[in-house]
N, C-alpha and C. Protein backbone atom coordinates (compact mmCIF):
# COMPACT_ATOMS: atom_id res chain seq x y z
N MET A 1 -245.28 108.69 27.83
CA MET A 1 -245.63 108.88 26.48
C MET A 1 -244.54 110.16 25.88
N TYR A 2 -243.87 109.61 24.54
CA TYR A 2 -242.87 110.41 23.92
C TYR A 2 -243.79 111.21 22.90
N GLU A 3 -244.12 112.52 23.49
CA GLU A 3 -245.11 113.08 22.28
C GLU A 3 -244.56 113.94 21.23
N SER A 4 -243.37 114.43 21.50
CA SER A 4 -242.75 115.30 20.37
C SER A 4 -241.28 114.66 20.13
N VAL A 5 -241.17 114.45 18.74
CA VAL A 5 -239.53 113.96 18.26
C VAL A 5 -239.18 115.21 17.30
N VAL A 6 -237.92 114.97 17.24
CA VAL A 6 -237.20 115.93 15.99
C VAL A 6 -238.04 115.30 14.59
N PRO A 7 -238.05 116.18 13.87
CA PRO A 7 -238.54 115.94 12.22
C PRO A 7 -237.85 114.55 11.89
N ASP A 8 -236.55 114.21 11.88
CA ASP A 8 -235.81 113.35 11.48
C ASP A 8 -235.55 112.10 12.44
N TYR A 9 -236.37 111.95 13.26
CA TYR A 9 -236.51 110.86 14.38
C TYR A 9 -235.98 109.72 13.79
N ALA A 10 -236.77 109.31 13.00
CA ALA A 10 -236.53 107.75 12.50
C ALA A 10 -235.26 107.45 11.79
N ALA A 11 -234.45 108.45 11.36
CA ALA A 11 -233.12 108.30 10.60
C ALA A 11 -232.15 108.41 11.98
N ARG A 12 -232.60 109.26 12.74
CA ARG A 12 -231.57 109.82 13.90
C ARG A 12 -231.36 108.81 15.04
N ARG A 13 -232.42 107.81 15.38
CA ARG A 13 -232.64 107.08 16.30
C ARG A 13 -231.72 105.88 16.23
N THR A 14 -231.11 105.57 14.95
CA THR A 14 -230.26 104.37 14.59
C THR A 14 -228.91 104.39 15.56
N ALA A 15 -228.66 105.50 15.60
CA ALA A 15 -227.23 105.58 16.54
C ALA A 15 -227.47 105.03 18.05
N PHE A 16 -228.81 105.45 18.60
CA PHE A 16 -229.05 105.19 19.86
C PHE A 16 -230.15 103.84 20.10
N ARG A 17 -230.33 103.43 19.16
CA ARG A 17 -231.30 102.33 19.17
C ARG A 17 -230.89 101.25 20.07
N ASP A 18 -229.62 100.60 20.03
CA ASP A 18 -229.47 99.38 20.76
C ASP A 18 -229.49 99.63 22.26
N GLU A 19 -228.99 101.03 22.63
CA GLU A 19 -228.78 101.28 23.93
C GLU A 19 -230.36 101.59 24.62
N HIS A 20 -231.26 102.22 23.67
CA HIS A 20 -232.52 102.40 23.97
C HIS A 20 -233.43 101.09 24.24
N LEU A 21 -233.10 100.23 23.39
CA LEU A 21 -233.64 98.66 23.48
C LEU A 21 -233.10 98.19 24.49
N ARG A 22 -231.97 98.14 24.80
CA ARG A 22 -231.41 97.56 26.19
C ARG A 22 -231.93 98.05 27.30
N LEU A 23 -232.18 99.23 27.67
CA LEU A 23 -232.72 99.76 28.74
C LEU A 23 -234.27 99.34 28.69
N ALA A 24 -235.09 99.17 27.59
CA ALA A 24 -236.51 98.86 27.64
C ALA A 24 -236.54 97.37 27.89
N TRP A 25 -235.73 96.42 27.52
CA TRP A 25 -235.74 95.14 27.67
C TRP A 25 -235.40 94.87 29.27
N GLU A 26 -234.35 95.61 29.70
CA GLU A 26 -234.31 95.47 31.19
C GLU A 26 -235.16 95.84 32.06
N ALA A 27 -235.72 96.83 31.58
CA ALA A 27 -237.07 97.54 32.49
C ALA A 27 -238.29 96.44 32.49
N HIS A 28 -238.44 95.77 31.08
CA HIS A 28 -239.35 94.84 30.91
C HIS A 28 -239.08 93.42 31.99
N ALA A 29 -237.55 93.15 31.99
CA ALA A 29 -237.41 92.17 32.74
C ALA A 29 -237.42 92.27 34.09
N ARG A 30 -237.47 93.47 34.66
CA ARG A 30 -237.67 93.72 35.93
C ARG A 30 -239.21 93.91 36.39
N GLY A 31 -239.94 93.76 35.20
CA GLY A 31 -241.38 93.99 35.47
C GLY A 31 -242.03 95.28 35.60
N GLU A 32 -241.19 96.21 35.07
CA GLU A 32 -241.58 97.76 35.18
C GLU A 32 -242.30 98.00 33.95
N LEU A 33 -241.68 97.86 32.59
CA LEU A 33 -242.12 98.23 31.53
C LEU A 33 -243.08 96.94 30.66
N VAL A 34 -244.35 97.22 30.54
CA VAL A 34 -245.22 96.19 29.96
C VAL A 34 -245.21 96.03 28.46
N LEU A 35 -245.39 97.17 27.79
CA LEU A 35 -245.13 97.44 26.51
C LEU A 35 -244.49 98.69 26.07
N GLY A 36 -244.25 98.65 24.94
CA GLY A 36 -243.51 100.25 24.30
C GLY A 36 -243.31 99.85 22.90
N GLY A 37 -243.25 101.05 22.29
CA GLY A 37 -243.16 101.16 20.73
C GLY A 37 -243.74 102.35 20.27
N ALA A 38 -242.87 102.67 19.14
CA ALA A 38 -243.18 103.89 18.31
C ALA A 38 -244.55 103.98 17.83
N PHE A 39 -244.90 105.22 17.53
CA PHE A 39 -246.44 105.30 16.46
C PHE A 39 -245.71 104.95 14.95
N ALA A 40 -246.63 104.47 14.18
CA ALA A 40 -246.44 104.06 12.70
C ALA A 40 -247.01 105.28 11.96
N ASP A 41 -246.16 105.50 10.73
CA ASP A 41 -246.91 106.36 9.62
C ASP A 41 -247.58 107.31 10.05
N PRO A 42 -247.00 108.59 10.49
CA PRO A 42 -245.62 108.96 10.69
C PRO A 42 -245.15 108.54 12.02
N ILE A 43 -243.72 108.07 12.11
CA ILE A 43 -243.04 107.90 13.36
C ILE A 43 -242.85 109.21 14.05
N ASP A 44 -243.79 109.66 14.94
CA ASP A 44 -243.82 110.98 15.44
C ASP A 44 -244.03 110.87 16.91
N GLY A 45 -243.76 109.78 17.52
CA GLY A 45 -243.75 109.85 19.09
C GLY A 45 -244.10 108.07 19.40
N ALA A 46 -244.23 107.97 20.67
CA ALA A 46 -244.33 106.53 21.22
C ALA A 46 -244.91 106.37 22.50
N ILE A 47 -245.39 105.20 22.65
CA ILE A 47 -245.97 105.15 24.05
C ILE A 47 -245.22 103.78 24.53
N LEU A 48 -244.96 103.90 25.88
CA LEU A 48 -244.29 103.10 26.70
C LEU A 48 -245.36 102.79 28.12
N LEU A 49 -245.98 101.77 28.06
CA LEU A 49 -246.52 101.43 29.34
C LEU A 49 -245.91 100.68 30.47
N PHE A 50 -245.76 101.34 31.42
CA PHE A 50 -245.19 100.97 32.94
C PHE A 50 -246.07 100.61 33.73
N GLN A 51 -245.66 99.67 34.64
CA GLN A 51 -246.81 99.34 35.82
C GLN A 51 -245.83 99.55 37.10
N GLY A 52 -246.51 100.06 38.22
CA GLY A 52 -245.91 100.53 39.53
C GLY A 52 -246.61 101.28 40.28
N ASP A 53 -246.17 101.60 41.38
CA ASP A 53 -246.77 102.10 42.22
C ASP A 53 -246.66 103.84 42.33
N SER A 54 -245.66 104.09 41.45
CA SER A 54 -245.61 105.79 41.42
C SER A 54 -245.14 105.79 39.95
N PRO A 55 -245.16 107.01 39.56
CA PRO A 55 -244.52 107.48 38.27
C PRO A 55 -243.24 107.37 38.07
N GLN A 56 -242.41 107.40 39.22
CA GLN A 56 -240.92 107.30 39.33
C GLN A 56 -240.21 106.36 38.33
N VAL A 57 -240.92 105.34 38.22
CA VAL A 57 -240.21 104.41 37.43
C VAL A 57 -240.07 104.80 35.98
N ALA A 58 -241.22 105.24 35.47
CA ALA A 58 -241.38 105.88 34.11
C ALA A 58 -240.47 106.93 33.74
N GLU A 59 -240.39 107.90 34.90
CA GLU A 59 -239.67 109.18 34.99
C GLU A 59 -238.17 108.85 34.93
N ARG A 60 -237.67 107.73 35.60
CA ARG A 60 -236.28 107.43 35.61
C ARG A 60 -236.05 106.72 34.29
N PHE A 61 -236.72 106.12 33.56
CA PHE A 61 -236.36 105.34 32.43
C PHE A 61 -236.32 106.55 31.41
N ALA A 62 -237.19 107.35 31.22
CA ALA A 62 -237.26 108.73 30.25
C ALA A 62 -235.76 109.45 30.67
N ALA A 63 -235.58 109.68 31.79
CA ALA A 63 -234.18 110.39 32.21
C ALA A 63 -233.19 109.76 31.76
N ALA A 64 -232.94 108.52 31.63
CA ALA A 64 -231.90 107.65 31.23
C ALA A 64 -231.92 107.40 29.71
N ASP A 65 -232.97 107.41 29.05
CA ASP A 65 -233.22 106.97 27.68
C ASP A 65 -232.26 107.87 26.76
N PRO A 66 -231.65 107.21 25.88
CA PRO A 66 -230.64 107.90 25.01
C PRO A 66 -231.32 108.95 24.13
N TYR A 67 -232.77 108.53 23.82
CA TYR A 67 -233.46 109.31 22.87
C TYR A 67 -233.86 110.89 23.28
N VAL A 68 -234.12 110.59 24.81
CA VAL A 68 -234.28 111.96 25.52
C VAL A 68 -232.94 112.78 25.82
N ARG A 69 -231.92 111.92 26.29
CA ARG A 69 -230.76 112.51 26.48
C ARG A 69 -230.30 113.22 25.51
N ASN A 70 -230.11 112.71 24.04
CA ASN A 70 -229.53 113.25 22.88
C ASN A 70 -230.55 114.09 21.96
N GLY A 71 -231.67 114.53 22.64
CA GLY A 71 -232.53 115.48 22.09
C GLY A 71 -233.35 114.99 20.96
N LEU A 72 -233.57 113.54 20.71
CA LEU A 72 -234.44 113.04 19.79
C LEU A 72 -235.98 113.26 20.17
N VAL A 73 -236.13 112.99 21.53
CA VAL A 73 -237.36 113.37 22.06
C VAL A 73 -237.42 114.60 22.65
N THR A 74 -238.29 115.53 22.32
CA THR A 74 -238.36 116.97 22.56
C THR A 74 -239.42 117.32 23.89
N LYS A 75 -240.46 116.13 23.95
CA LYS A 75 -241.29 116.44 24.80
C LYS A 75 -241.74 114.91 25.27
N TRP A 76 -241.90 114.91 26.61
CA TRP A 76 -242.55 113.53 26.88
C TRP A 76 -243.10 113.90 28.22
N ARG A 77 -244.30 113.09 28.65
CA ARG A 77 -244.86 113.09 30.01
C ARG A 77 -245.27 111.72 30.47
N VAL A 78 -245.60 111.60 31.76
CA VAL A 78 -246.02 110.24 32.23
C VAL A 78 -247.41 110.70 32.82
N ARG A 79 -248.23 109.72 32.51
CA ARG A 79 -249.71 109.66 32.95
C ARG A 79 -250.16 108.56 33.46
N GLN A 80 -250.77 108.50 34.45
CA GLN A 80 -251.55 107.39 35.02
C GLN A 80 -252.70 106.89 34.16
N TRP A 81 -252.70 105.60 34.15
CA TRP A 81 -253.74 104.97 33.27
C TRP A 81 -254.49 104.00 34.15
N SER A 82 -255.74 103.97 34.06
CA SER A 82 -256.95 103.21 34.65
C SER A 82 -257.16 102.13 33.82
N THR A 83 -256.66 100.90 33.98
CA THR A 83 -256.90 99.81 32.81
C THR A 83 -258.30 99.01 33.80
N VAL A 84 -259.40 98.80 32.59
CA VAL A 84 -260.46 98.23 33.29
C VAL A 84 -260.87 96.96 32.46
N VAL A 85 -260.24 96.60 31.26
CA VAL A 85 -260.64 95.62 30.42
C VAL A 85 -259.37 94.88 30.01
N GLY A 86 -259.42 93.56 30.25
CA GLY A 86 -258.41 92.97 29.66
C GLY A 86 -257.66 92.04 30.62
N ASP A 87 -257.08 90.98 30.18
CA ASP A 87 -256.39 90.09 31.24
C ASP A 87 -255.63 90.67 32.27
N HIS A 88 -254.63 91.68 31.95
CA HIS A 88 -253.85 92.64 32.61
C HIS A 88 -254.23 93.96 33.41
N ALA A 89 -255.79 93.73 33.25
CA ALA A 89 -256.12 95.14 33.84
C ALA A 89 -255.89 95.13 35.14
N ALA A 90 -255.46 96.58 35.60
CA ALA A 90 -255.30 96.71 36.98
C ALA A 90 -256.40 96.69 37.83
N THR A 91 -257.72 97.09 37.42
CA THR A 91 -258.82 97.11 38.25
C THR A 91 -260.06 96.80 37.24
N PRO A 92 -260.18 95.38 36.96
CA PRO A 92 -261.34 94.92 36.07
C PRO A 92 -262.46 95.29 36.40
N VAL A 93 -263.33 95.81 35.59
CA VAL A 93 -264.64 96.24 35.63
C VAL A 93 -265.67 95.51 34.67
N ARG A 94 -266.56 94.84 35.19
CA ARG A 94 -267.30 94.09 34.04
C ARG A 94 -268.93 94.67 34.16
N PRO A 95 -269.56 94.58 33.21
CA PRO A 95 -271.08 94.85 33.48
C PRO A 95 -271.63 93.88 34.40
N THR A 96 -272.74 94.34 35.10
CA THR A 96 -273.50 93.60 36.09
C THR A 96 -273.97 92.30 35.51
N ASP A 97 -274.29 92.29 34.42
CA ASP A 97 -274.94 91.07 33.73
C ASP A 97 -273.71 89.90 33.27
N TRP A 98 -272.51 90.41 33.44
CA TRP A 98 -271.39 89.57 32.58
C TRP A 98 -271.11 88.28 33.58
N GLN A 99 -271.39 87.34 32.60
CA GLN A 99 -271.13 85.77 32.85
C GLN A 99 -269.94 85.44 33.22
């Protein structure tokens, strides 16, 4: 998760957006990045959902991301997320009376 960005992030990201999107689509093609996108109104952070056996895939992505390398993202972190509902849930959990 990109938690903190510079105040003029939306304007400044334009110079780095193609490289950022290329890295994101490449990670998606490898099966690492499931979904990603910036928060809207205001654009003050983003969430990127990775799948894998360790946080290293997401950490490597952030280290290579031009938004991070060029100081547009000022704080980020990787957190494990236990997904339990939905077609792509890692560990589906249903109520005992679910049909």
